[in-house]
C-alpha atoms as a PDB file:
ATOM      1  CA  UNK A   1    -101.120  13.719  18.660  1.00  0.00           C
ATOM      2  CA  UNK A   2    -103.475  11.133  20.146  1.00  0.00           C
ATOM      3  CA  UNK A   3    -102.238   9.194  23.191  1.00  0.00           C
ATOM      4  CA  UNK A   4    -103.160   5.634  22.162  1.00  0.00           C
ATOM      5  CA  UNK A   5    -102.031   4.135  25.459  1.00  0.00           C
ATOM      6  CA  UNK A   6    -104.320   6.475  27.371  1.00  0.00           C
ATOM      7  CA  UNK A   7    -107.260   5.684  25.116  1.00  0.00           C
ATOM      8  CA  UNK A   8    -106.624   1.961  25.594  1.00  0.00           C
ATOM      9  CA  UNK A   9    -106.684   2.370  29.382  1.00  0.00           C
ATOM     10  CA  UNK A  10    -109.935   4.355  29.278  1.00  0.00           C
ATOM     11  CA  UNK A  11    -111.493   1.805  26.912  1.00  0.00           C
ATOM     12  CA  UNK A  12    -110.575  -1.031  29.301  1.00  0.00           C
ATOM     13  CA  UNK A  13    -112.317   0.730  32.192  1.00  0.00           C
ATOM     14  CA  UNK A  14    -115.377   1.367  30.054  1.00  0.00           C
ATOM     15  CA  UNK A  15    -115.540  -2.290  29.033  1.00  0.00           C
ATOM     16  CA  UNK A  16    -115.368  -3.315  32.692  1.00  0.00           C
ATOM     17  CA  UNK A  17    -118.243  -0.962  33.475  1.00  0.00           C
ATOM     18  CA  UNK A  18    -120.333  -2.434  30.678  1.00  0.00           C
ATOM     19  CA  UNK A  19    -119.604  -6.069  31.466  1.00  0.00           C
ATOM     20  CA  UNK A  20    -120.406  -6.090  35.175  1.00  0.00           C
ATOM     21  CA  UNK A  21    -123.926  -6.721  36.453  1.00  0.00           C
ATOM     22  CA  UNK A  22    -123.098  -5.063  39.763  1.00  0.00           C
ATOM     23  CA  UNK A  23    -124.426  -1.499  39.744  1.00  0.00           C
ATOM     24  CA  UNK A  24    -121.850  -0.301  42.280  1.00  0.00           C
ATOM     25  CA  UNK A  25    -118.961  -1.823  40.307  1.00  0.00           C
ATOM     26  CA  UNK A  26    -120.257  -0.233  37.110  1.00  0.00           C
ATOM     27  CA  UNK A  27    -120.391   3.144  38.858  1.00  0.00           C
ATOM     28  CA  UNK A  28    -116.845   2.681  40.166  1.00  0.00           C
ATOM     29  CA  UNK A  29    -115.464   1.843  36.718  1.00  0.00           C
ATOM     30  CA  UNK A  30    -117.382   4.734  35.152  1.00  0.00           C
ATOM     31  CA  UNK A  31    -115.993   7.167  37.710  1.00  0.00           C
ATOM     32  CA  UNK A  32    -112.481   5.814  37.142  1.00  0.00           C
ATOM     33  CA  UNK A  33    -112.784   6.262  33.372  1.00  0.00           C
ATOM     34  CA  UNK A  34    -113.973   9.856  33.727  1.00  0.00           C
ATOM     35  CA  UNK A  35    -111.346  10.634  36.348  1.00  0.00           C
ATOM     36  CA  UNK A  36    -108.596   9.257  34.093  1.00  0.00           C
ATOM     37  CA  UNK A  37    -109.847  11.325  31.176  1.00  0.00           C
ATOM     38  CA  UNK A  38    -109.975  14.415  33.375  1.00  0.00           C
ATOM     39  CA  UNK A  39    -106.555  13.701  34.820  1.00  0.00           C
ATOM     40  CA  UNK A  40    -105.114  13.391  31.318  1.00  0.00           C
ATOM     41  CA  UNK A  41    -106.490  16.812  30.462  1.00  0.00           C
ATOM     42  CA  UNK A  42    -104.919  18.210  33.605  1.00  0.00           C
ATOM     43  CA  UNK A  43    -101.558  16.711  32.687  1.00  0.00           C
ATOM     44  CA  UNK A  44    -101.773  18.061  29.160  1.00  0.00           C
ATOM     45  CA  UNK A  45    -102.686  21.502  30.436  1.00  0.00           C
ATOM     46  CA  UNK A  46     -99.814  21.578  32.902  1.00  0.00           C
ATOM     47  CA  UNK A  47     -97.340  20.335  30.282  1.00  0.00           C
ATOM     48  CA  UNK A  48     -98.492  22.890  27.755  1.00  0.00           C
ATOM     49  CA  UNK A  49     -98.204  25.720  30.290  1.00  0.00           C
ATOM     50  CA  UNK A  50     -94.477  24.967  30.856  1.00  0.00           C
ATOM     51  CA  UNK A  51     -93.353  23.588  27.476  1.00  0.00           C
ATOM     52  CA  UNK A  52     -93.548  26.063  24.573  1.00  0.00           C
ATOM     53  CA  UNK A  53     -92.747  23.273  22.109  1.00  0.00           C
ATOM     54  CA  UNK A  54     -95.641  21.166  23.354  1.00  0.00           C
ATOM     55  CA  UNK A  55     -97.868  24.229  23.327  1.00  0.00           C
ATOM     56  CA  UNK A  56     -97.146  24.802  19.645  1.00  0.00           C
ATOM     57  CA  UNK A  57     -97.645  21.122  18.864  1.00  0.00           C
ATOM     58  CA  UNK A  58    -100.880  20.731  20.874  1.00  0.00           C
ATOM     59  CA  UNK A  59    -103.653  23.079  19.827  1.00  0.00           C
ATOM     60  CA  UNK A  60    -107.456  22.934  19.831  1.00  0.00           C
ATOM     61  CA  UNK A  61    -109.153  21.366  16.830  1.00  0.00           C
ATOM     62  CA  UNK A  62    -112.642  21.123  15.373  1.00  0.00           C
ATOM     63  CA  UNK A  63    -114.370  17.884  14.471  1.00  0.00           C
ATOM     64  CA  UNK A  64    -117.773  17.286  12.893  1.00  0.00           C
ATOM     65  CA  UNK A  65    -119.620  14.356  14.448  1.00  0.00           C
ATOM     66  CA  UNK A  66    -122.697  12.791  12.857  1.00  0.00           C
ATOM     67  CA  UNK A  67    -125.778  12.382  15.058  1.00  0.00           C
ATOM     68  CA  UNK A  68    -128.429  11.007  12.695  1.00  0.00           C
ATOM     69  CA  UNK A  69    -130.252  11.379   9.417  1.00  0.00           C
ATOM     70  CA  UNK A  70    -132.472  14.363   8.699  1.00  0.00           C
ATOM     71  CA  UNK A  71    -136.092  13.754   9.640  1.00  0.00           C
ATOM     72  CA  UNK A  72    -135.367  11.172  12.342  1.00  0.00           C
ATOM     73  CA  UNK A  73    -137.426  11.967  15.422  1.00  0.00           C
ATOM     74  CA  UNK A  74    -135.642  12.527  18.691  1.00  0.00           C
ATOM     75  CA  UNK A  75    -132.345  13.834  17.326  1.00  0.00           C
ATOM     76  CA  UNK A  76    -132.435  16.713  19.802  1.00  0.00           C
ATOM     77  CA  UNK A  77    -132.198  14.321  22.718  1.00  0.00           C
ATOM     78  CA  UNK A  78    -129.195  12.634  21.092  1.00  0.00           C
ATOM     79  CA  UNK A  79    -127.578  16.047  20.747  1.00  0.00           C
ATOM     80  CA  UNK A  80    -128.488  16.856  24.351  1.00  0.00           C
ATOM     81  CA  UNK A  81    -126.618  13.733  25.460  1.00  0.00           C
ATOM     82  CA  UNK A  82    -123.509  14.658  23.461  1.00  0.00           C
ATOM     83  CA  UNK A  83    -123.573  18.221  24.793  1.00  0.00           C
ATOM     84  CA  UNK A  84    -123.831  16.942  28.387  1.00  0.00           C
ATOM     85  CA  UNK A  85    -120.801  14.698  27.854  1.00  0.00           C
ATOM     86  CA  UNK A  86    -118.865  17.494  26.144  1.00  0.00           C
ATOM     87  CA  UNK A  87    -119.410  19.931  29.002  1.00  0.00           C
ATOM     88  CA  UNK A  88    -117.829  17.457  31.414  1.00  0.00           C
ATOM     89  CA  UNK A  89    -114.785  17.088  29.161  1.00  0.00           C
ATOM     90  CA  UNK A  90    -113.809  20.683  28.322  1.00  0.00           C
ATOM     91  CA  UNK A  91    -115.317  20.561  24.827  1.00  0.00           C
ATOM     92  CA  UNK A  92    -117.562  23.260  23.306  1.00  0.00           C
ATOM     93  CA  UNK A  93    -120.220  22.274  20.783  1.00  0.00           C
ATOM     94  CA  UNK A  94    -122.129  23.876  17.919  1.00  0.00           C
ATOM     95  CA  UNK A  95    -125.290  22.123  16.738  1.00  0.00           C
ATOM     96  CA  UNK A  96    -126.659  21.884  13.197  1.00  0.00           C
ATOM     97  CA  UNK A  97    -130.049  23.519  12.738  1.00  0.00           C
ATOM     98  CA  UNK A  98    -131.669  20.139  12.073  1.00  0.00           C
ATOM     99  CA  UNK A  99    -129.632  18.373  14.813  1.00  0.00           C
ATOM    100  CA  UNK A 100    -128.107  15.917  12.317  1.00  0.00           C
ATOM    101  CA  UNK A 101    -124.544  16.693  13.423  1.00  0.00           C
ATOM    102  CA  UNK A 102    -122.513  18.652  15.932  1.00  0.00           C
ATOM    103  CA  UNK A 103    -119.192  20.428  15.608  1.00  0.00           C
ATOM    104  CA  UNK A 104    -116.895  19.907  18.611  1.00  0.00           C
ATOM    105  CA  UNK A 105    -114.201  22.415  19.591  1.00  0.00           C
ATOM    106  CA  UNK A 106    -111.426  21.364  21.968  1.00  0.00           C
ATOM    107  CA  UNK A 107    -108.284  19.303  22.325  1.00  0.00           C
ATOM    108  CA  UNK A 108    -108.174  16.043  20.408  1.00  0.00           C
ATOM    109  CA  UNK A 109    -107.945  13.662  23.407  1.00  0.00           C
ATOM    110  CA  UNK A 110    -110.948  15.384  25.010  1.00  0.00           C
ATOM    111  CA  UNK A 111    -113.016  15.054  21.828  1.00  0.00           C
ATOM    112  CA  UNK A 112    -111.957  11.396  21.524  1.00  0.00           C
ATOM    113  CA  UNK A 113    -113.210  10.814  25.075  1.00  0.00           C
ATOM    114  CA  UNK A 114    -116.539  12.493  24.260  1.00  0.00           C
ATOM    115  CA  UNK A 115    -117.061  10.309  21.204  1.00  0.00           C
ATOM    116  CA  UNK A 116    -116.236   7.119  23.101  1.00  0.00           C
ATOM    117  CA  UNK A 117    -118.658   7.945  25.906  1.00  0.00           C
ATOM    118  CA  UNK A 118    -121.389   9.079  23.507  1.00  0.00           C
ATOM    119  CA  UNK A 119    -121.116   5.974  21.330  1.00  0.00           C
ATOM    120  CA  UNK A 120    -121.864   3.764  24.309  1.00  0.00           C
ATOM    121  CA  UNK A 121    -124.386   5.946  26.108  1.00  0.00           C
ATOM    122  CA  UNK A 122    -126.608   6.830  23.146  1.00  0.00           C
ATOM    123  CA  UNK A 123    -127.165   3.124  22.495  1.00  0.00           C
ATOM    124  CA  UNK A 124    -128.002   2.560  26.147  1.00  0.00           C
ATOM    125  CA  UNK A 125    -130.337   5.573  26.139  1.00  0.00           C
ATOM    126  CA  UNK A 126    -132.286   4.331  23.130  1.00  0.00           C
ATOM    127  CA  UNK A 127    -132.456   0.761  24.479  1.00  0.00           C
ATOM    128  CA  UNK A 128    -133.671   1.974  27.883  1.00  0.00           C
ATOM    129  CA  UNK A 129    -136.367   4.186  26.366  1.00  0.00           C
ATOM    130  CA  UNK A 130    -137.503   1.338  24.101  1.00  0.00           C
ATOM    131  CA  UNK A 131    -137.800  -0.932  27.142  1.00  0.00           C
ATOM    132  CA  UNK A 132    -139.767   1.741  29.003  1.00  0.00           C
ATOM    133  CA  UNK A 133    -142.264   2.075  26.157  1.00  0.00           C
ATOM    134  CA  UNK A 134    -142.605  -1.699  25.746  1.00  0.00           C
ATOM    135  CA  UNK A 135    -143.366  -2.017  29.446  1.00  0.00           C
ATOM    136  CA  UNK A 136    -146.456   0.142  28.972  1.00  0.00           C
ATOM    137  CA  UNK A 137    -145.722   2.143  32.123  1.00  0.00           C
ATOM    138  CA  UNK A 138    -146.365   5.381  30.245  1.00  0.00           C
ATOM    139  CA  UNK A 139    -149.951   4.401  29.523  1.00  0.00           C
ATOM    140  CA  UNK A 140    -152.417   6.161  31.751  1.00  0.00           C
ATOM    141  CA  UNK A 141    -150.008   9.050  32.340  1.00  0.00           C
ATOM    142  CA  UNK A 142    -150.563  12.577  31.057  1.00  0.00           C
ATOM    143  CA  UNK A 143    -148.385  15.219  29.476  1.00  0.00           C
ATOM    144  CA  UNK A 144    -148.730  18.957  29.942  1.00  0.00           C
ATOM    145  CA  UNK A 145    -147.888  21.917  27.762  1.00  0.00           C
ATOM    146  CA  UNK A 146    -148.556  25.635  27.798  1.00  0.00           C
ATOM    147  CA  UNK A 147    -150.774  26.833  24.956  1.00  0.00           C
ATOM    148  CA  UNK A 148    -151.895  30.321  23.942  1.00  0.00           C
ATOM    149  CA  UNK A 149    -155.528  31.328  24.085  1.00  0.00           C
ATOM    150  CA  UNK A 150    -157.359  34.438  22.933  1.00  0.00           C
ATOM    151  CA  UNK A 151    -156.502  37.715  24.583  1.00  0.00           C
ATOM    152  CA  UNK A 152    -152.924  36.708  25.225  1.00  0.00           C
ATOM    153  CA  UNK A 153    -153.907  34.168  27.864  1.00  0.00           C
ATOM    154  CA  UNK A 154    -151.807  31.074  28.416  1.00  0.00           C
ATOM    155  CA  UNK A 155    -153.198  27.896  29.866  1.00  0.00           C
ATOM    156  CA  UNK A 156    -151.765  24.485  30.722  1.00  0.00           C
ATOM    157  CA  UNK A 157    -153.252  21.802  28.507  1.00  0.00           C
ATOM    158  CA  UNK A 158    -153.135  18.181  29.623  1.00  0.00           C
ATOM    159  CA  UNK A 159    -153.683  15.150  27.445  1.00  0.00           C
ATOM    160  CA  UNK A 160    -152.861  11.424  27.477  1.00  0.00           C
ATOM    161  CA  UNK A 161    -149.137  10.771  27.217  1.00  0.00           C
ATOM    162  CA  UNK A 162    -148.201   9.661  23.707  1.00  0.00           C
ATOM    163  CA  UNK A 163    -145.349   7.305  22.974  1.00  0.00           C
ATOM    164  CA  UNK A 164    -143.204   9.931  21.249  1.00  0.00           C
ATOM    165  CA  UNK A 165    -143.684  12.458  24.069  1.00  0.00           C
ATOM    166  CA  UNK A 166    -142.821   9.785  26.626  1.00  0.00           C
ATOM    167  CA  UNK A 167    -139.677   8.878  24.670  1.00  0.00           C
ATOM    168  CA  UNK A 168    -138.495  12.489  24.349  1.00  0.00           C
ATOM    169  CA  UNK A 169    -138.998  13.195  28.056  1.00  0.00           C
ATOM    170  CA  UNK A 170    -137.336   9.928  29.056  1.00  0.00           C
ATOM    171  CA  UNK A 171    -134.277  10.538  26.875  1.00  0.00           C
ATOM    172  CA  UNK A 172    -133.966  14.182  27.894  1.00  0.00           C
ATOM    173  CA  UNK A 173    -133.880  13.240  31.583  1.00  0.00           C
ATOM    174  CA  UNK A 174    -131.442  10.394  30.858  1.00  0.00           C
ATOM    175  CA  UNK A 175    -129.063  12.852  29.172  1.00  0.00           C
ATOM    176  CA  UNK A 176    -129.355  15.295  32.057  1.00  0.00           C
ATOM    177  CA  UNK A 177    -128.514  12.635  34.635  1.00  0.00           C
ATOM    178  CA  UNK A 178    -125.480  11.450  32.641  1.00  0.00           C
ATOM    179  CA  UNK A 179    -124.228  15.025  32.479  1.00  0.00           C
ATOM    180  CA  UNK A 180    -124.553  15.346  36.252  1.00  0.00           C
ATOM    181  CA  UNK A 181    -122.687  12.080  36.894  1.00  0.00           C
ATOM    182  CA  UNK A 182    -119.807  12.944  34.576  1.00  0.00           C
ATOM    183  CA  UNK A 183    -119.506  16.492  35.870  1.00  0.00           C
ATOM    184  CA  UNK A 184    -119.337  15.258  39.459  1.00  0.00           C
ATOM    185  CA  UNK A 185    -116.562  12.831  38.501  1.00  0.00           C
ATOM    186  CA  UNK A 186    -114.662  15.587  36.690  1.00  0.00           C
ATOM    187  CA  UNK A 187    -114.936  18.027  39.582  1.00  0.00           C
ATOM    188  CA  UNK A 188    -113.765  15.392  42.062  1.00  0.00           C
ATOM    189  CA  UNK A 189    -110.707  14.609  39.926  1.00  0.00           C
ATOM    190  CA  UNK A 190    -109.824  18.286  39.600  1.00  0.00           C
ATOM    191  CA  UNK A 191    -110.232  18.894  43.328  1.00  0.00           C
ATOM    192  CA  UNK A 192    -108.024  15.899  44.110  1.00  0.00           C
ATOM    193  CA  UNK A 193    -105.308  17.055  41.712  1.00  0.00           C
ATOM    194  CA  UNK A 194    -105.322  20.573  43.142  1.00  0.00           C
ATOM    195  CA  UNK A 195    -105.306  19.427  46.769  1.00  0.00           C
ATOM    196  CA  UNK A 196    -102.351  17.103  46.077  1.00  0.00           C
ATOM    197  CA  UNK A 197    -100.116  19.997  45.084  1.00  0.00           C
ATOM    198  CA  UNK A 198     -97.411  21.076  47.478  1.00  0.00           C
ATOM    199  CA  UNK A 199     -96.968  24.675  48.531  1.00  0.00           C
ATOM    200  CA  UNK A 200     -94.010  24.956  46.133  1.00  0.00           C
ATOM    201  CA  UNK A 201     -96.296  24.086  43.234  1.00  0.00           C
ATOM    202  CA  UNK A 202     -98.788  26.887  43.835  1.00  0.00           C
ATOM    203  CA  UNK A 203     -97.123  29.320  41.450  1.00  0.00           C
ATOM    204  CA  UNK A 204     -97.627  26.859  38.599  1.00  0.00           C
ATOM    205  CA  UNK A 205    -100.765  25.223  39.875  1.00  0.00           C
ATOM    206  CA  UNK A 206    -103.152  22.873  38.137  1.00  0.00           C
ATOM    207  CA  UNK A 207    -105.926  25.439  38.609  1.00  0.00           C
ATOM    208  CA  UNK A 208    -103.939  28.061  36.676  1.00  0.00           C
ATOM    209  CA  UNK A 209    -103.100  25.586  33.911  1.00  0.00           C
ATOM    210  CA  UNK A 210    -106.733  24.549  33.612  1.00  0.00           C
ATOM    211  CA  UNK A 211    -107.822  28.166  33.435  1.00  0.00           C
ATOM    212  CA  UNK A 212    -105.287  28.787  30.667  1.00  0.00           C
ATOM    213  CA  UNK A 213    -106.652  25.793  28.795  1.00  0.00           C
ATOM    214  CA  UNK A 214    -110.220  27.065  29.188  1.00  0.00           C
ATOM    215  CA  UNK A 215    -109.210  30.481  27.852  1.00  0.00           C
ATOM    216  CA  UNK A 216    -107.439  28.910  24.879  1.00  0.00           C
ATOM    217  CA  UNK A 217    -110.422  26.753  23.928  1.00  0.00           C
ATOM    218  CA  UNK A 218    -112.776  29.710  24.387  1.00  0.00           C
ATOM    219  CA  UNK A 219    -110.639  31.928  22.169  1.00  0.00           C
ATOM    220  CA  UNK A 220    -110.346  29.189  19.550  1.00  0.00           C
ATOM    221  CA  UNK A 221    -114.123  28.772  19.553  1.00  0.00           C
ATOM    222  CA  UNK A 222    -114.748  32.486  19.085  1.00  0.00           C
ATOM    223  CA  UNK A 223    -112.361  32.561  16.121  1.00  0.00           C
ATOM    224  CA  UNK A 224    -113.605  29.409  14.416  1.00  0.00           C
ATOM    225  CA  UNK A 225    -117.332  29.149  15.137  1.00  0.00           C
ATOM    226  CA  UNK A 226    -119.800  30.372  12.545  1.00  0.00           C
ATOM    227  CA  UNK A 227    -122.869  29.452  14.577  1.00  0.00           C
ATOM    228  CA  UNK A 228    -125.794  31.836  14.794  1.00  0.00           C
ATOM    229  CA  UNK A 229    -128.551  31.804  17.394  1.00  0.00           C
ATOM    230  CA  UNK A 230    -128.961  29.564  20.415  1.00  0.00           C
ATOM    231  CA  UNK A 231    -129.719  25.849  20.382  1.00  0.00           C
ATOM    232  CA  UNK A 232    -132.498  24.620  22.662  1.00  0.00           C
ATOM    233  CA  UNK A 233    -132.597  20.963  23.749  1.00  0.00           C
ATOM    234  CA  UNK A 234    -136.386  20.618  23.853  1.00  0.00           C
ATOM    235  CA  UNK A 235    -139.425  22.118  22.189  1.00  0.00           C
ATOM    236  CA  UNK A 236    -142.184  23.728  24.220  1.00  0.00           C
ATOM    237  CA  UNK A 237    -144.732  22.046  21.937  1.00  0.00           C
ATOM    238  CA  UNK A 238    -143.471  18.560  22.800  1.00  0.00           C
ATOM    239  CA  UNK A 239    -145.189  18.405  26.178  1.00  0.00           C
ATOM    240  CA  UNK A 240    -143.835  17.606  29.634  1.00  0.00           C
ATOM    241  CA  UNK A 241    -144.243  14.323  31.476  1.00  0.00           C
ATOM    242  CA  UNK A 242    -142.972  14.022  35.039  1.00  0.00           C
ATOM    243  CA  UNK A 243    -143.456  10.251  35.019  1.00  0.00           C
ATOM    244  CA  UNK A 244    -141.388   9.730  31.868  1.00  0.00           C
ATOM    245  CA  UNK A 245    -138.686  12.069  33.116  1.00  0.00           C
ATOM    246  CA  UNK A 246    -138.408  10.225  36.416  1.00  0.00           C
ATOM    247  CA  UNK A 247    -138.051   6.953  34.536  1.00  0.00           C
ATOM    248  CA  UNK A 248    -135.356   8.452  32.302  1.00  0.00           C
ATOM    249  CA  UNK A 249    -133.495   9.860  35.284  1.00  0.00           C
ATOM    250  CA  UNK A 250    -133.467   6.447  36.976  1.00  0.00           C
ATOM    251  CA  UNK A 251    -132.126   4.861  33.788  1.00  0.00           C
ATOM    252  CA  UNK A 252    -129.407   7.519  33.603  1.00  0.00           C
ATOM    253  CA  UNK A 253    -128.372   6.692  37.171  1.00  0.00           C
ATOM    254  CA  UNK A 254    -128.072   2.998  36.271  1.00  0.00           C
ATOM    255  CA  UNK A 255    -126.359   3.475  32.893  1.00  0.00           C
ATOM    256  CA  UNK A 256    -123.077   1.653  32.391  1.00  0.00           C
ATOM    257  CA  UNK A 257    -120.401   3.678  30.688  1.00  0.00           C
ATOM    258  CA  UNK A 258    -119.072   1.197  28.142  1.00  0.00           C
ATOM    259  CA  UNK A 259    -118.043   1.540  24.488  1.00  0.00           C
ATOM    260  CA  UNK A 260    -120.017  -0.025  21.684  1.00  0.00           C
ATOM    261  CA  UNK A 261    -116.774  -0.180  19.733  1.00  0.00           C
ATOM    262  CA  UNK A 262    -113.113   0.399  20.416  1.00  0.00           C
ATOM    263  CA  UNK A 263    -111.481   3.815  20.285  1.00  0.00           C
ATOM    264  CA  UNK A 264    -110.379   4.580  16.768  1.00  0.00           C
ATOM    265  CA  UNK A 265    -113.205   2.638  15.104  1.00  0.00           C
ATOM    266  CA  UNK A 266    -115.042   4.349  12.245  1.00  0.00           C
ATOM    267  CA  UNK A 267    -117.238   7.194  13.394  1.00  0.00           C
ATOM    268  CA  UNK A 268    -120.786   7.616  12.246  1.00  0.00           C
ATOM    269  CA  UNK A 269    -124.348   8.465  13.079  1.00  0.00           C
ATOM    270  CA  UNK A 270    -126.636   6.249  15.094  1.00  0.00           C
ATOM    271  CA  UNK A 271    -128.468   3.896  12.759  1.00  0.00           C
END
């Protein structure tokens, strides 16, 4: 059952992050939101490890989440962003072959958190990449890719950086930086929770409960997933641009973690 009070508290922190112009305040609110989400997972895991009734009532679920319409360019970077958020929130993801949707596996509050973060961050990612392209800073840069030549040779081919290649590199780096920020916040919250335990708590520690939760989600995924093959976030043919990636990484560092809509609002793909 969804904890509406918890979701309201996380949403309030996210709104504060989005509404402040102070980069350090935004980072503080973002960290607090992620730490609260992580702490809630810890509490759920501990409760489930000691309460058989709660364990029966609280089980992993699957949820399909729309990413975008078929044929829209750049869907892989949207998926990459969702996957980065999911990894920091104990959620496993399968990806549609055409990247139009993902299937999330995990506990409902964790998936709710992923959707709330994604809804805000994908809009920020697209807006930041649009601003980067409008600025013209990608002009004059080059992209590189490895191409095959006769005799099995491979060479690095460079050419002027196109707008679409700049966008893909920018958004890919943005997603990577967001994943790093959220993972750091999660790990700090877990370390704090574990270090706060008394010696008497060691036998039923947070670490053990979290491991049990990880095993349960992993087992659930193996039973339920019908995915085949491995999803790759980028295509080798797209080309690599260090300049665009650096710009995307900087934007990911500055991103405010704030919801575009409240928790519980209708879900859907990015327009």
